[in-house]
Amino acid sequence: MKKILLSLFTAALLGSAANAANNVTDPYDADFAQMNKYFNSLIESHLTSAKLNNIGYPRMDIVDSAKQITIKFDLAGVNKENIKLSIDNDKILTLQGEKRESKEAKSKDYVKKEIFYGSFQKQIQLPDNIDESKLSTKFENGILSITIPKTEIKKPKVKVIPIK
């Protein structure tokens, strides 16, 4: 790694020295700079699009204590009526919903827009030792809290087979 860094540093120094000695400007430098600026803005605009902002939404905290699992979702701006929570037979917790944008906000001319609006879904694989019948939820101040009590892990019965 040190050899690679030393090689890069040496190349940079030699390149700087060669440019200083020649002191010649390339007539295409301005064109390349403009193209570079254009491509950077194009990439940046796509990386900050609303669809990519959906990645990882909603943010969550998971606390796994001895007696229960607590999951909190940050759903600021989402109405309770637009949230659906379910658990399937494979103990996969699924949160689905939609964060709607007001008509007034859609009509504005934004300079930058990072707040996510649209449909979302998040799935979490829960352990086998939960009691989903005693699951409780609470939605307050844009935070959805889910508490799931744990049960004892059932140890499989072992049958000793005599060897003859």
C-alpha atoms as a PDB file:
ATOM      1  CA  MET A   1       0.000   0.000   0.000  1.00  0.00           C
ATOM      2  CA  LYS A   2       2.881   2.344   0.877  1.00  0.00           C
ATOM      3  CA  LYS A   3       4.486   1.674  -2.514  1.00  0.00           C
ATOM      4  CA  ILE A   4       1.265   2.582  -4.328  1.00  0.00           C
ATOM      5  CA  LEU A   5       0.843   5.806  -2.349  1.00  0.00           C
ATOM      6  CA  LEU A   6       4.506   6.716  -2.918  1.00  0.00           C
ATOM      7  CA  SER A   7       4.102   6.048  -6.664  1.00  0.00           C
ATOM      8  CA  LEU A   8       0.975   8.231  -6.852  1.00  0.00           C
ATOM      9  CA  PHE A   9       2.669  11.030  -4.916  1.00  0.00           C
ATOM     10  CA  THR A  10       5.753  10.877  -7.176  1.00  0.00           C
ATOM     11  CA  ALA A  11       3.596  10.928 -10.319  1.00  0.00           C
ATOM     12  CA  ALA A  12       1.678  13.942  -9.032  1.00  0.00           C
ATOM     13  CA  LEU A  13       4.894  15.824  -8.278  1.00  0.00           C
ATOM     14  CA  LEU A  14       6.384  15.006 -11.689  1.00  0.00           C
ATOM     15  CA  GLY A  15       3.154  16.031 -13.428  1.00  0.00           C
ATOM     16  CA  SER A  16       3.111  19.361 -11.572  1.00  0.00           C
ATOM     17  CA  ALA A  17       6.742  19.994 -12.442  1.00  0.00           C
ATOM     18  CA  ALA A  18       6.153  19.194 -16.125  1.00  0.00           C
ATOM     19  CA  ASN A  19       3.154  21.527 -16.316  1.00  0.00           C
ATOM     20  CA  ALA A  20       5.078  24.328 -14.633  1.00  0.00           C
ATOM     21  CA  ALA A  21       8.000  23.906 -17.029  1.00  0.00           C
ATOM     22  CA  ASN A  22       5.863  23.866 -20.183  1.00  0.00           C
ATOM     23  CA  ASN A  23       3.496  26.648 -19.099  1.00  0.00           C
ATOM     24  CA  VAL A  24       1.402  25.851 -22.185  1.00  0.00           C
ATOM     25  CA  THR A  25      -2.380  25.901 -21.938  1.00  0.00           C
ATOM     26  CA  ASP A  26      -4.524  23.420 -23.792  1.00  0.00           C
ATOM     27  CA  PRO A  27      -7.158  25.142 -25.971  1.00  0.00           C
ATOM     28  CA  TYR A  28      -9.677  22.481 -24.995  1.00  0.00           C
ATOM     29  CA  ASP A  29      -9.337  22.983 -21.213  1.00  0.00           C
ATOM     30  CA  ALA A  30     -12.372  25.281 -21.052  1.00  0.00           C
ATOM     31  CA  ASP A  31     -14.487  22.852 -23.092  1.00  0.00           C
ATOM     32  CA  PHE A  32     -13.512  19.900 -20.913  1.00  0.00           C
ATOM     33  CA  ALA A  33     -14.170  21.912 -17.751  1.00  0.00           C
ATOM     34  CA  GLN A  34     -17.639  22.819 -19.027  1.00  0.00           C
ATOM     35  CA  MET A  35     -18.385  19.189 -19.961  1.00  0.00           C
ATOM     36  CA  ASN A  36     -17.150  18.035 -16.554  1.00  0.00           C
ATOM     37  CA  LYS A  37     -19.402  20.577 -14.840  1.00  0.00           C
ATOM     38  CA  TYR A  38     -22.378  19.427 -16.920  1.00  0.00           C
ATOM     39  CA  PHE A  39     -21.824  15.717 -16.178  1.00  0.00           C
ATOM     40  CA  ASN A  40     -21.321  16.389 -12.452  1.00  0.00           C
ATOM     41  CA  SER A  41     -24.598  18.306 -12.263  1.00  0.00           C
ATOM     42  CA  LEU A  42     -26.358  15.555 -14.213  1.00  0.00           C
ATOM     43  CA  ILE A  43     -25.053  12.862 -11.848  1.00  0.00           C
ATOM     44  CA  GLU A  44     -25.870  14.955  -8.771  1.00  0.00           C
ATOM     45  CA  SER A  45     -29.428  15.610  -9.938  1.00  0.00           C
ATOM     46  CA  HIS A  46     -30.027  11.881 -10.450  1.00  0.00           C
ATOM     47  CA  LEU A  47     -28.440  10.911  -7.137  1.00  0.00           C
ATOM     48  CA  THR A  48     -30.707  13.289  -5.238  1.00  0.00           C
ATOM     49  CA  SER A  49     -33.902  12.325  -7.063  1.00  0.00           C
ATOM     50  CA  ALA A  50     -36.933  11.372  -4.975  1.00  0.00           C
ATOM     51  CA  LYS A  51     -36.741   7.704  -6.009  1.00  0.00           C
ATOM     52  CA  LEU A  52     -33.214   7.359  -4.647  1.00  0.00           C
ATOM     53  CA  ASN A  53     -34.176   9.186  -1.447  1.00  0.00           C
ATOM     54  CA  ASN A  54     -36.545   6.275  -0.776  1.00  0.00           C
ATOM     55  CA  ILE A  55     -33.574   3.982  -0.120  1.00  0.00           C
ATOM     56  CA  GLY A  56     -33.502   3.244   3.587  1.00  0.00           C
ATOM     57  CA  TYR A  57     -36.801   5.055   4.231  1.00  0.00           C
ATOM     58  CA  PRO A  58     -38.135   5.035   6.841  1.00  0.00           C
ATOM     59  CA  ARG A  59     -35.224   5.168   9.266  1.00  0.00           C
ATOM     60  CA  MET A  60     -35.548   2.852  12.237  1.00  0.00           C
ATOM     61  CA  ASP A  61     -34.086   1.816  15.589  1.00  0.00           C
ATOM     62  CA  ILE A  62     -34.211  -1.770  16.843  1.00  0.00           C
ATOM     63  CA  VAL A  63     -33.607  -2.650  20.505  1.00  0.00           C
ATOM     64  CA  ASP A  64     -33.271  -6.353  21.310  1.00  0.00           C
ATOM     65  CA  SER A  65     -33.468  -6.818  25.081  1.00  0.00           C
ATOM     66  CA  ALA A  66     -33.839 -10.019  27.090  1.00  0.00           C
ATOM     67  CA  LYS A  67     -37.642  -9.780  27.358  1.00  0.00           C
ATOM     68  CA  GLN A  68     -38.732  -7.945  24.202  1.00  0.00           C
ATOM     69  CA  ILE A  69     -37.862  -6.428  20.854  1.00  0.00           C
ATOM     70  CA  THR A  70     -38.675  -2.756  20.321  1.00  0.00           C
ATOM     71  CA  ILE A  71     -38.683  -1.272  16.821  1.00  0.00           C
ATOM     72  CA  LYS A  72     -39.158   2.445  16.179  1.00  0.00           C
ATOM     73  CA  PHE A  73     -39.811   3.893  12.733  1.00  0.00           C
ATOM     74  CA  ASP A  74     -39.364   7.595  11.932  1.00  0.00           C
ATOM     75  CA  LEU A  75     -42.527   8.396   9.963  1.00  0.00           C
ATOM     76  CA  ALA A  76     -42.645  12.176  10.269  1.00  0.00           C
ATOM     77  CA  GLY A  77     -45.293  13.594   7.943  1.00  0.00           C
ATOM     78  CA  VAL A  78     -47.027  10.240   7.352  1.00  0.00           C
ATOM     79  CA  ASN A  79     -50.676   9.958   8.384  1.00  0.00           C
ATOM     80  CA  LYS A  80     -51.585   6.961  10.543  1.00  0.00           C
ATOM     81  CA  GLU A  81     -54.272   6.009   7.999  1.00  0.00           C
ATOM     82  CA  ASN A  82     -51.570   5.566   5.334  1.00  0.00           C
ATOM     83  CA  ILE A  83     -49.607   2.942   7.292  1.00  0.00           C
ATOM     84  CA  LYS A  84     -50.051  -0.834   7.095  1.00  0.00           C
ATOM     85  CA  LEU A  85     -48.189  -3.226   9.418  1.00  0.00           C
ATOM     86  CA  SER A  86     -48.209  -7.036   9.078  1.00  0.00           C
ATOM     87  CA  ILE A  87     -46.358 -10.205  10.130  1.00  0.00           C
ATOM     88  CA  ASP A  88     -46.393 -13.320   7.976  1.00  0.00           C
ATOM     89  CA  ASN A  89     -45.923 -16.989   8.945  1.00  0.00           C
ATOM     90  CA  ASP A  90     -42.149 -16.713   8.416  1.00  0.00           C
ATOM     91  CA  LYS A  91     -41.935 -13.975  11.125  1.00  0.00           C
ATOM     92  CA  ILE A  92     -41.271 -11.205   8.602  1.00  0.00           C
ATOM     93  CA  LEU A  93     -42.563  -7.842   9.803  1.00  0.00           C
ATOM     94  CA  THR A  94     -43.647  -5.657   6.872  1.00  0.00           C
ATOM     95  CA  LEU A  95     -44.287  -1.923   7.116  1.00  0.00           C
ATOM     96  CA  GLN A  96     -45.946  -0.330   4.083  1.00  0.00           C
ATOM     97  CA  GLY A  97     -47.197   3.164   3.615  1.00  0.00           C
ATOM     98  CA  GLU A  98     -47.296   6.358   1.664  1.00  0.00           C
ATOM     99  CA  LYS A  99     -46.130   9.868   2.471  1.00  0.00           C
ATOM    100  CA  ARG A 100     -48.276  12.236   0.449  1.00  0.00           C
ATOM    101  CA  GLU A 101     -47.260  15.669  -0.732  1.00  0.00           C
ATOM    102  CA  SER A 102     -49.757  18.507  -0.536  1.00  0.00           C
ATOM    103  CA  LYS A 103     -50.978  20.080  -3.781  1.00  0.00           C
ATOM    104  CA  GLU A 104     -49.602  23.436  -2.619  1.00  0.00           C
ATOM    105  CA  ALA A 105     -46.082  21.993  -2.215  1.00  0.00           C
ATOM    106  CA  LYS A 106     -46.181  20.402  -5.693  1.00  0.00           C
ATOM    107  CA  SER A 107     -46.795  23.753  -7.370  1.00  0.00           C
ATOM    108  CA  LYS A 108     -43.748  25.525  -5.890  1.00  0.00           C
ATOM    109  CA  ASP A 109     -40.545  26.063  -7.873  1.00  0.00           C
ATOM    110  CA  TYR A 110     -37.983  24.260  -5.740  1.00  0.00           C
ATOM    111  CA  VAL A 111     -34.284  24.983  -5.920  1.00  0.00           C
ATOM    112  CA  LYS A 112     -33.504  21.798  -3.994  1.00  0.00           C
ATOM    113  CA  LYS A 113     -35.864  19.055  -2.859  1.00  0.00           C
ATOM    114  CA  GLU A 114     -34.685  16.294  -0.514  1.00  0.00           C
ATOM    115  CA  ILE A 115     -37.806  15.420   1.465  1.00  0.00           C
ATOM    116  CA  PHE A 116     -39.145  12.035   0.385  1.00  0.00           C
ATOM    117  CA  TYR A 117     -42.753  11.676  -0.780  1.00  0.00           C
ATOM    118  CA  GLY A 118     -44.275   8.511  -2.163  1.00  0.00           C
ATOM    119  CA  SER A 119     -44.841   4.854  -1.316  1.00  0.00           C
ATOM    120  CA  PHE A 120     -42.451   2.904   0.876  1.00  0.00           C
ATOM    121  CA  GLN A 121     -42.014  -0.602   2.233  1.00  0.00           C
ATOM    122  CA  LYS A 122     -39.627  -2.033   4.804  1.00  0.00           C
ATOM    123  CA  GLN A 123     -39.291  -5.645   5.911  1.00  0.00           C
ATOM    124  CA  ILE A 124     -37.568  -7.036   8.987  1.00  0.00           C
ATOM    125  CA  GLN A 125     -36.899 -10.676   9.745  1.00  0.00           C
ATOM    126  CA  LEU A 126     -37.883 -11.294  13.368  1.00  0.00           C
ATOM    127  CA  PRO A 127     -36.514 -14.150  15.481  1.00  0.00           C
ATOM    128  CA  ASP A 128     -38.570 -17.288  16.116  1.00  0.00           C
ATOM    129  CA  ASN A 129     -38.909 -16.661  19.854  1.00  0.00           C
ATOM    130  CA  ILE A 130     -41.449 -13.822  19.711  1.00  0.00           C
ATOM    131  CA  ASP A 131     -45.042 -13.755  20.886  1.00  0.00           C
ATOM    132  CA  GLU A 132     -46.734 -11.915  18.034  1.00  0.00           C
ATOM    133  CA  SER A 133     -50.142 -12.238  19.720  1.00  0.00           C
ATOM    134  CA  LYS A 134     -48.952  -9.773  22.401  1.00  0.00           C
ATOM    135  CA  LEU A 135     -47.466  -7.272  19.930  1.00  0.00           C
ATOM    136  CA  SER A 136     -48.311  -3.647  20.761  1.00  0.00           C
ATOM    137  CA  THR A 137     -47.993  -0.470  18.687  1.00  0.00           C
ATOM    138  CA  LYS A 138     -47.972   3.233  19.444  1.00  0.00           C
ATOM    139  CA  PHE A 139     -47.906   6.075  16.914  1.00  0.00           C
ATOM    140  CA  GLU A 140     -46.975   9.418  18.450  1.00  0.00           C
ATOM    141  CA  ASN A 141     -45.269  12.538  17.036  1.00  0.00           C
ATOM    142  CA  GLY A 142     -44.376  10.770  13.789  1.00  0.00           C
ATOM    143  CA  ILE A 143     -42.712   7.805  15.545  1.00  0.00           C
ATOM    144  CA  LEU A 144     -44.232   4.339  15.209  1.00  0.00           C
ATOM    145  CA  SER A 145     -43.125   2.144  18.133  1.00  0.00           C
ATOM    146  CA  ILE A 146     -43.658  -1.607  17.979  1.00  0.00           C
ATOM    147  CA  THR A 147     -43.041  -3.763  21.047  1.00  0.00           C
ATOM    148  CA  ILE A 148     -42.941  -7.544  20.670  1.00  0.00           C
ATOM    149  CA  PRO A 149     -42.467  -9.710  23.774  1.00  0.00           C
ATOM    150  CA  LYS A 150     -40.097 -12.655  23.550  1.00  0.00           C
ATOM    151  CA  THR A 151     -40.889 -16.219  24.557  1.00  0.00           C
ATOM    152  CA  GLU A 152     -38.541 -18.866  25.851  1.00  0.00           C
ATOM    153  CA  ILE A 153     -36.585 -20.652  23.209  1.00  0.00           C
ATOM    154  CA  LYS A 154     -37.822 -24.188  23.092  1.00  0.00           C
ATOM    155  CA  LYS A 155     -34.954 -26.592  23.109  1.00  0.00           C
ATOM    156  CA  PRO A 156     -35.528 -29.523  20.785  1.00  0.00           C
ATOM    157  CA  LYS A 157     -35.981 -32.838  22.510  1.00  0.00           C
ATOM    158  CA  VAL A 158     -33.110 -35.162  21.904  1.00  0.00           C
ATOM    159  CA  LYS A 159     -33.798 -38.852  21.673  1.00  0.00           C
ATOM    160  CA  VAL A 160     -30.847 -41.010  22.521  1.00  0.00           C
ATOM    161  CA  ILE A 161     -30.548 -43.947  20.150  1.00  0.00           C
ATOM    162  CA  PRO A 162     -28.861 -47.008  21.562  1.00  0.00           C
ATOM    163  CA  ILE A 163     -26.077 -48.468  19.458  1.00  0.00           C
ATOM    164  CA  LYS A 164     -26.128 -52.288  19.193  1.00  0.00           C
END
